[in-house]
C-alpha cells in the first residue's frame, strides 16, 4: 500500500472527541465509588444484613462481572441499529444503573424488619442488575476506542484522557461523600446519607454520559466498524461460547481482569478505609480527603509510565509490570500496618493541633 493510501485509511478523531468520549469511563467510575465503596456498609448498617454476607457477596459478585463481560460484548458485536453500536449500550447501561441504585438505596430500607429475607433478596437482585448495567456501559469505552481512532499517534492521547475521565468520576464522588456524611447522624451508616448520595452520583454520571455520547456520535456508524469499514460475518452465540472455552489466553485475560477489579474493590472499599483511617488512625475526617488527593497526585507518574510502556513494549508487558509494582506496594503497606501503633512515630498524621504534622511513617 502506498503512503498516500495508508494516510487515507487512517481514521483520526477530532480533539473534542478524544476529550469527551473517555468521560464514559468517568460516568461508570461514579458508580464504582457510589456502589462498590459503600454498598457493604449500606447492607450492614442500613438494612441490618450480616456484615460478612454483605462484604462477601459484593466482593464475590466481581466474578459475575467477568462472566457478563463477554456476553455483553457478543451482544454489542451483533448490534448495528439506527442509533449506532455504542450509544444504545451507554445510555441503557446508565439508566439500568440509575434505576437499580435508586431502588436499592431509597426503597429497600422501607422493607419491614420482619421481612429480613426480602431485604436479602432485594439486596442481591438489585446489585446483580446493577452489574449488568455497569457492564453495558463499561464495555463501550475500550471497544468504542477502536472506531474513534486507529491512528497510533492518537492512542496514547486517548489513554491520557481516559485516565483523566476516570479520575474525574471517582474524584467527584470521593469529594462529595464525606461532605454529605457530616450532615447526617450516623454518617456513612445513615439511610439519609444514601438517599442523598444516590441522586448526586446519578446526576453526575448522566452528565458525563451525555458528554461521552456527543464524543462518539459522529463515529458511531457502520463505516467505522470492523477493519477498513468492511462488513464482518455475524457469529452465533454458540460460537462465542466455543471461542471462550477453547481460547486459553482469553480465559487468562478474564481471570486477570477479574482479579485486578477484585483487588481494587477490596482496597478502596469504605469498610477498609473506615477501619484504616477511623479505627486504627483515629481521624477518618482528617485523613480521608487528604490521602485521596495525595493518592491521585502520586498515581500520575504511573499513568504516564504505563502509556510509555504500552507504546514501547505492548499492553501485556505494561499490565504485568505495573501489577507487579502494585503487588510489591501492597506488601509494603502490609509491613507498615504491622509496624503501626508501636509508638507515636508509627501513626499516620497529616494535620495536628498546630497545623501540618507529617512524620516519617506518613
Protein backbone atom coordinates (compact mmCIF):
# COMPACT_ATOMS: atom_id res chain seq x y z
CA UNK A 1 0.00 0.00 0.00
CA UNK A 2 1.34 3.46 -0.92
CA UNK A 3 1.94 6.12 1.70
CA UNK A 4 -0.99 8.14 0.25
CA UNK A 5 -3.34 5.16 0.51
CA UNK A 6 -2.19 4.49 4.09
CA UNK A 7 -2.89 8.10 5.01
CA UNK A 8 -6.41 7.86 3.56
CA UNK A 9 -7.15 4.67 5.51
CA UNK A 10 -6.21 6.24 8.86
CA UNK A 11 -9.26 7.07 10.96
CA UNK A 12 -8.45 10.04 13.18
CA UNK A 13 -10.57 11.54 15.93
CA UNK A 14 -11.17 15.23 16.39
CA UNK A 15 -9.75 16.81 19.56
CA UNK A 16 -13.15 17.23 21.21
CA UNK A 17 -13.93 13.54 20.53
CA UNK A 18 -10.72 12.45 22.25
CA UNK A 19 -11.64 14.59 25.25
CA UNK A 20 -15.35 13.79 25.56
CA UNK A 21 -15.72 10.09 24.79
CA UNK A 22 -13.37 8.90 27.60
CA UNK A 23 -15.77 10.60 30.03
CA UNK A 24 -17.79 7.41 29.61
CA UNK A 25 -15.23 5.84 31.92
CA UNK A 26 -15.75 8.67 34.38
CA UNK A 27 -19.52 8.09 34.27
CA UNK A 28 -19.12 4.44 35.25
CA UNK A 29 -16.50 5.22 37.88
CA UNK A 30 -19.05 7.43 39.62
CA UNK A 31 -20.98 4.22 40.25
CA UNK A 32 -17.78 2.37 41.05
CA UNK A 33 -17.39 4.61 44.09
CA UNK A 34 -21.13 5.01 44.76
CA UNK A 35 -21.68 1.26 44.84
CA UNK A 36 -18.51 -0.72 45.47
CA UNK A 37 -17.17 1.63 48.14
CA UNK A 38 -20.39 1.96 50.13
CA UNK A 39 -22.77 -0.90 49.40
CA UNK A 40 -21.37 -3.26 52.04
CA UNK A 41 -21.76 -0.52 54.66
CA UNK A 42 -25.28 0.14 53.41
CA UNK A 43 -26.17 -3.54 53.63
CA UNK A 44 -24.93 -3.96 57.19
CA UNK A 45 -25.75 -0.56 58.74
CA UNK A 46 -28.98 0.43 56.98
CA UNK A 47 -30.56 -2.91 56.00
CA UNK A 48 -29.20 -4.71 59.08
CA UNK A 49 -27.85 -7.57 56.98
CA UNK A 50 -24.93 -9.67 58.11
CA UNK A 51 -21.71 -7.69 57.57
CA UNK A 52 -19.94 -10.86 56.46
CA UNK A 53 -22.70 -11.61 53.95
CA UNK A 54 -22.76 -8.05 52.57
CA UNK A 55 -18.98 -7.87 52.18
CA UNK A 56 -18.54 -11.36 50.72
CA UNK A 57 -21.48 -11.01 48.33
CA UNK A 58 -20.29 -7.66 46.99
CA UNK A 59 -16.72 -8.87 46.63
CA UNK A 60 -17.66 -12.22 45.11
CA UNK A 61 -20.03 -10.58 42.62
CA UNK A 62 -16.96 -9.17 40.88
CA UNK A 63 -16.61 -12.67 39.40
CA UNK A 64 -20.12 -12.28 37.95
CA UNK A 65 -18.78 -9.18 36.18
CA UNK A 66 -16.16 -11.35 34.47
CA UNK A 67 -18.95 -13.59 33.13
CA UNK A 68 -21.14 -10.75 31.91
CA UNK A 69 -18.30 -9.01 30.03
CA UNK A 70 -18.04 -11.49 27.10
CA UNK A 71 -21.84 -11.88 26.92
CA UNK A 72 -22.43 -8.14 26.63
CA UNK A 73 -19.51 -7.97 24.19
CA UNK A 74 -21.24 -10.55 21.98
CA UNK A 75 -24.50 -8.56 22.06
CA UNK A 76 -22.66 -5.37 21.17
CA UNK A 77 -20.91 -7.11 18.29
CA UNK A 78 -24.32 -8.02 16.82
CA UNK A 79 -25.79 -4.55 17.32
CA UNK A 80 -25.91 -2.11 14.42
CA UNK A 81 -29.14 -0.17 14.59
CA UNK A 82 -30.46 3.30 13.88
CA UNK A 83 -28.60 4.77 16.85
CA UNK A 84 -25.29 3.02 16.17
CA UNK A 85 -23.48 0.32 18.10
CA UNK A 86 -22.26 2.06 21.26
CA UNK A 87 -24.69 4.84 22.13
CA UNK A 88 -27.59 2.48 22.97
CA UNK A 89 -25.42 0.46 25.36
CA UNK A 90 -24.05 3.60 27.01
CA UNK A 91 -27.48 5.13 27.60
CA UNK A 92 -29.31 1.90 28.51
CA UNK A 93 -26.48 0.82 30.81
CA UNK A 94 -26.52 4.15 32.63
CA UNK A 95 -30.31 4.04 33.03
CA UNK A 96 -30.17 0.47 34.38
CA UNK A 97 -27.59 1.53 36.97
CA UNK A 98 -29.54 4.67 37.91
CA UNK A 99 -32.83 2.82 38.47
CA UNK A 100 -31.27 -0.12 40.33
CA UNK A 101 -29.32 2.15 42.68
CA UNK A 102 -32.28 4.46 43.35
CA UNK A 103 -34.43 1.46 44.26
CA UNK A 104 -31.64 -0.12 46.31
CA UNK A 105 -30.66 2.94 48.33
CA UNK A 106 -34.08 4.64 48.62
CA UNK A 107 -36.71 1.86 48.55
CA UNK A 108 -35.22 -1.27 50.15
CA UNK A 109 -34.84 0.42 53.60
CA UNK A 110 -38.66 0.69 53.59
CA UNK A 111 -38.97 -3.12 53.69
CA UNK A 112 -40.08 -4.02 57.25
CA UNK A 113 -37.55 -5.55 59.65
CA UNK A 114 -39.85 -8.55 59.97
CA UNK A 115 -39.22 -9.36 56.28
CA UNK A 116 -35.44 -9.56 56.51
CA UNK A 117 -35.46 -12.32 53.85
CA UNK A 118 -36.93 -9.78 51.39
CA UNK A 119 -34.10 -7.36 52.21
CA UNK A 120 -31.55 -10.05 51.45
CA UNK A 121 -33.27 -10.94 48.16
CA UNK A 122 -33.61 -7.29 47.07
CA UNK A 123 -30.01 -6.54 48.02
CA UNK A 124 -28.62 -9.40 45.90
CA UNK A 125 -31.06 -8.98 43.00
CA UNK A 126 -30.66 -5.22 42.60
CA UNK A 127 -26.89 -5.49 42.87
CA UNK A 128 -26.87 -8.15 40.11
CA UNK A 129 -28.99 -5.86 37.91
CA UNK A 130 -26.56 -3.02 38.58
CA UNK A 131 -23.62 -5.23 37.49
CA UNK A 132 -25.38 -5.86 34.15
CA UNK A 133 -25.91 -2.13 33.59
CA UNK A 134 -22.32 -1.45 34.63
CA UNK A 135 -21.05 -3.99 32.09
CA UNK A 136 -23.29 -2.48 29.39
CA UNK A 137 -21.62 0.91 29.72
CA UNK A 138 -18.05 -0.06 30.58
CA UNK A 139 -17.84 -2.38 27.56
CA UNK A 140 -18.20 0.66 25.31
CA UNK A 141 -15.09 2.50 26.49
CA UNK A 142 -12.44 0.14 25.08
CA UNK A 143 -14.43 -1.15 22.10
CA UNK A 144 -15.51 2.38 21.19
CA UNK A 145 -11.88 3.45 21.07
CA UNK A 146 -11.37 1.25 18.01
CA UNK A 147 -13.92 3.23 15.97
CA UNK A 148 -12.90 6.59 17.38
CA UNK A 149 -9.35 6.39 16.05
CA UNK A 150 -6.88 3.90 14.63
CA UNK A 151 -4.07 6.44 14.45
CA UNK A 152 -1.17 5.12 16.61
CA UNK A 153 -0.23 8.70 17.45
CA UNK A 154 -3.66 9.37 18.97
CA UNK A 155 -3.94 6.19 21.04
CA UNK A 156 -1.68 7.48 23.84
CA UNK A 157 -3.75 10.69 23.96
CA UNK A 158 -6.89 8.61 24.35
CA UNK A 159 -5.26 6.73 27.24
CA UNK A 160 -4.38 10.00 28.98
CA UNK A 161 -7.89 11.47 28.57
CA UNK A 162 -9.36 8.13 29.63
CA UNK A 163 -7.33 8.34 32.84
CA UNK A 164 -8.43 11.93 33.42
CA UNK A 165 -12.08 10.98 32.86
CA UNK A 166 -11.74 8.04 35.24
CA UNK A 167 -10.25 10.20 37.98
CA UNK A 168 -12.90 12.88 37.42
CA UNK A 169 -15.74 10.44 38.08
CA UNK A 170 -14.11 8.79 41.09
CA UNK A 171 -12.79 12.07 42.49
CA UNK A 172 -16.16 13.82 42.33
CA UNK A 173 -17.84 11.12 44.42
CA UNK A 174 -14.97 10.79 46.86
CA UNK A 175 -15.10 14.57 47.33
CA UNK A 176 -18.86 14.87 47.92
CA UNK A 177 -19.35 11.73 50.04
CA UNK A 178 -17.59 12.91 53.26
CA UNK A 179 -19.24 16.33 52.94
CA UNK A 180 -22.72 14.78 52.72
CA UNK A 181 -21.99 12.27 55.50
CA UNK A 182 -21.38 15.10 58.00
CA UNK A 183 -25.00 16.25 57.57
CA UNK A 184 -26.50 13.03 58.91
CA UNK A 185 -26.39 11.46 62.33
CA UNK A 186 -24.66 8.14 61.87
CA UNK A 187 -22.64 9.42 58.89
CA UNK A 188 -21.92 6.68 56.38
CA UNK A 189 -24.27 4.33 58.24
CA UNK A 190 -27.27 6.63 57.87
CA UNK A 191 -30.15 5.88 55.47
CA UNK A 192 -30.42 9.63 54.79
CA UNK A 193 -26.82 9.75 53.60
CA UNK A 194 -27.54 7.12 50.94
CA UNK A 195 -30.81 8.79 49.91
CA UNK A 196 -28.83 11.96 49.21
CA UNK A 197 -25.68 10.38 47.78
CA UNK A 198 -27.53 8.29 45.17
CA UNK A 199 -29.19 11.21 43.29
CA UNK A 200 -25.98 13.27 43.42
CA UNK A 201 -23.99 10.42 41.87
CA UNK A 202 -26.67 9.67 39.28
CA UNK A 203 -26.81 13.29 38.09
CA UNK A 204 -23.01 13.46 37.76
CA UNK A 205 -22.94 10.14 35.87
CA UNK A 206 -25.74 11.17 33.49
CA UNK A 207 -23.96 14.44 32.63
CA UNK A 208 -20.69 12.62 31.92
CA UNK A 209 -22.56 10.02 29.83
CA UNK A 210 -24.22 12.71 27.71
CA UNK A 211 -20.83 14.31 27.02
CA UNK A 212 -19.40 10.88 26.10
CA UNK A 213 -22.34 10.25 23.73
CA UNK A 214 -21.57 13.56 22.00
CA UNK A 215 -17.94 12.46 21.69
CA UNK A 216 -18.74 9.16 19.91
CA UNK A 217 -21.81 10.36 17.95
CA UNK A 218 -20.10 11.08 14.63
CA UNK A 219 -18.04 7.87 14.65
CA UNK A 220 -20.82 5.54 15.81
CA UNK A 221 -21.79 4.37 12.33
CA UNK A 222 -21.11 1.23 10.20
CA UNK A 223 -18.34 2.66 8.03
CA UNK A 224 -16.10 2.86 11.10
CA UNK A 225 -16.93 -0.65 12.38
CA UNK A 226 -14.73 -3.66 11.61
CA UNK A 227 -11.50 -3.45 9.64
CA UNK A 228 -11.43 -0.78 6.98
CA UNK A 229 -15.22 -0.39 7.15
CA UNK A 230 -15.80 -3.85 5.72
CA UNK A 231 -18.76 -5.93 6.88
CA UNK A 232 -17.87 -8.74 9.25
CA UNK A 233 -19.55 -12.10 9.38
CA UNK A 234 -22.08 -12.46 12.19
CA UNK A 235 -21.33 -15.21 14.67
CA UNK A 236 -23.80 -17.35 16.59
CA UNK A 237 -23.91 -17.24 20.38
CA UNK A 238 -22.74 -20.86 20.48
CA UNK A 239 -19.64 -19.82 18.53
CA UNK A 240 -18.81 -17.16 21.13
CA UNK A 241 -19.14 -19.79 23.85
CA UNK A 242 -16.84 -22.12 21.90
CA UNK A 243 -14.27 -19.35 21.49
CA UNK A 244 -14.24 -18.69 25.24
CA UNK A 245 -13.99 -22.41 26.05
CA UNK A 246 -11.04 -23.02 23.75
CA UNK A 247 -9.23 -19.68 23.88
CA UNK A 248 -6.84 -20.11 26.81
CA UNK A 249 -5.31 -16.60 26.52
CA UNK A 250 -8.81 -15.07 26.68
CA UNK A 251 -9.60 -17.13 29.76
CA UNK A 252 -6.41 -15.94 31.43
CA UNK A 253 -7.26 -12.35 30.48
CA UNK A 254 -10.71 -12.74 32.07
CA UNK A 255 -9.14 -14.08 35.26
CA UNK A 256 -6.55 -11.28 35.28
CA UNK A 257 -9.21 -8.61 34.73
CA UNK A 258 -11.48 -10.04 37.43
CA UNK A 259 -8.51 -10.34 39.81
CA UNK A 260 -7.49 -6.70 39.33
CA UNK A 261 -11.08 -5.48 39.81
CA UNK A 262 -11.46 -7.64 42.90
CA UNK A 263 -8.22 -6.35 44.43
CA UNK A 264 -9.12 -2.72 43.71
CA UNK A 265 -12.66 -3.07 45.07
CA UNK A 266 -11.30 -4.54 48.32
CA UNK A 267 -8.58 -1.91 48.74
CA UNK A 268 -10.94 1.03 48.09
CA UNK A 269 -13.95 -0.33 49.99
CA UNK A 270 -15.32 2.10 52.54
CA UNK A 271 -15.22 -0.55 55.26
CA UNK A 272 -11.48 -0.95 54.76
CA UNK A 273 -10.87 2.81 54.68
CA UNK A 274 -13.02 3.35 57.79
CA UNK A 275 -11.02 0.70 59.65
CA UNK A 276 -7.72 2.20 58.45
CA UNK A 277 -8.34 5.93 58.90
CA UNK A 278 -11.03 5.78 61.58
CA UNK A 279 -10.48 2.75 63.83
CA UNK A 280 -6.69 2.45 63.51
CA UNK A 281 -5.58 6.03 62.95
CA UNK A 282 -8.47 7.63 64.85
CA UNK A 283 -9.06 10.51 62.42
CA UNK A 284 -11.20 9.49 59.42
CA UNK A 285 -12.46 13.01 58.59
CA UNK A 286 -8.96 14.47 58.79
CA UNK A 287 -7.24 11.74 56.75
CA UNK A 288 -9.69 10.59 54.06
CA UNK A 289 -9.73 13.58 51.70
CA UNK A 290 -6.02 14.50 52.09
CA UNK A 291 -4.96 10.89 51.48
CA UNK A 292 -7.30 10.65 48.48
CA UNK A 293 -5.78 13.77 46.91
CA UNK A 294 -2.27 12.58 47.72
CA UNK A 295 -3.05 9.22 46.15
CA UNK A 296 -4.17 10.86 42.90
CA UNK A 297 -1.05 13.05 42.79
CA UNK A 298 1.28 10.07 43.36
CA UNK A 299 -0.53 7.99 40.73
CA UNK A 300 0.02 10.47 37.89
CA UNK A 301 3.62 9.36 37.13
CA UNK A 302 2.45 5.74 36.94
CA UNK A 303 -0.30 6.64 34.47
CA UNK A 304 2.27 8.33 32.24
CA UNK A 305 4.70 5.40 32.61
CA UNK A 306 2.04 2.85 31.65
CA UNK A 307 1.36 4.79 28.44
CA UNK A 308 5.04 4.83 27.54
CA UNK A 309 5.48 1.14 28.38
CA UNK A 310 2.43 0.20 26.31
CA UNK A 311 3.81 2.14 23.34
CA UNK A 312 7.25 0.52 23.52
CA UNK A 313 6.59 -2.99 24.85
CA UNK A 314 2.88 -3.62 24.37
CA UNK A 315 -0.12 -3.69 26.71
CA UNK A 316 0.61 -7.16 28.11
CA UNK A 317 4.08 -6.11 29.25
CA UNK A 318 2.63 -2.91 30.75
CA UNK A 319 -0.06 -4.83 32.64
CA UNK A 320 2.35 -7.40 34.06
CA UNK A 321 4.96 -4.82 35.02
CA UNK A 322 2.67 -2.45 36.89
CA UNK A 323 0.52 -5.11 38.51
CA UNK A 324 3.82 -6.44 39.88
CA UNK A 325 4.65 -2.96 41.16
CA UNK A 326 1.21 -2.77 42.79
CA UNK A 327 1.76 -6.17 44.40
CA UNK A 328 5.07 -5.03 45.88
CA UNK A 329 3.42 -1.84 47.16
CA UNK A 330 0.67 -3.87 48.86
CA UNK A 331 3.36 -5.88 50.63
CA UNK A 332 4.93 -2.58 51.71
CA UNK A 333 1.59 -1.38 53.07
CA UNK A 334 1.23 -4.66 54.97
CA UNK A 335 4.64 -4.13 56.59
CA UNK A 336 3.71 -0.57 57.57
CA UNK A 337 0.42 -1.73 59.09
CA UNK A 338 2.26 -4.37 61.13
CA UNK A 339 4.50 -1.58 62.47
CA UNK A 340 1.55 0.69 63.27
CA UNK A 341 0.91 1.74 66.85
CA UNK A 342 4.30 0.85 68.31
CA UNK A 343 4.84 4.49 69.26
CA UNK A 344 3.78 8.00 68.22
CA UNK A 345 6.27 7.75 65.36
CA UNK A 346 4.21 4.93 63.81
CA UNK A 347 0.89 6.76 63.49
CA UNK A 348 -0.46 8.24 60.27
CA UNK A 349 -0.61 12.01 60.68
CA UNK A 350 -1.20 14.94 58.34
CA UNK A 351 -2.76 17.75 60.37
CA UNK A 352 -2.07 18.26 64.06
CA UNK A 353 -3.28 20.82 66.59
CA UNK A 354 -0.65 23.30 65.39
CA UNK A 355 -1.10 22.72 61.67
CA UNK A 356 0.84 20.46 59.30
CA UNK A 357 2.18 17.40 61.14
CA UNK A 358 3.78 14.84 58.80
CA UNK A 359 6.07 12.24 60.31
CA UNK A 360 8.32 9.62 58.70
CA UNK A 361 5.59 6.97 58.92
CA UNK A 362 3.23 9.18 56.91
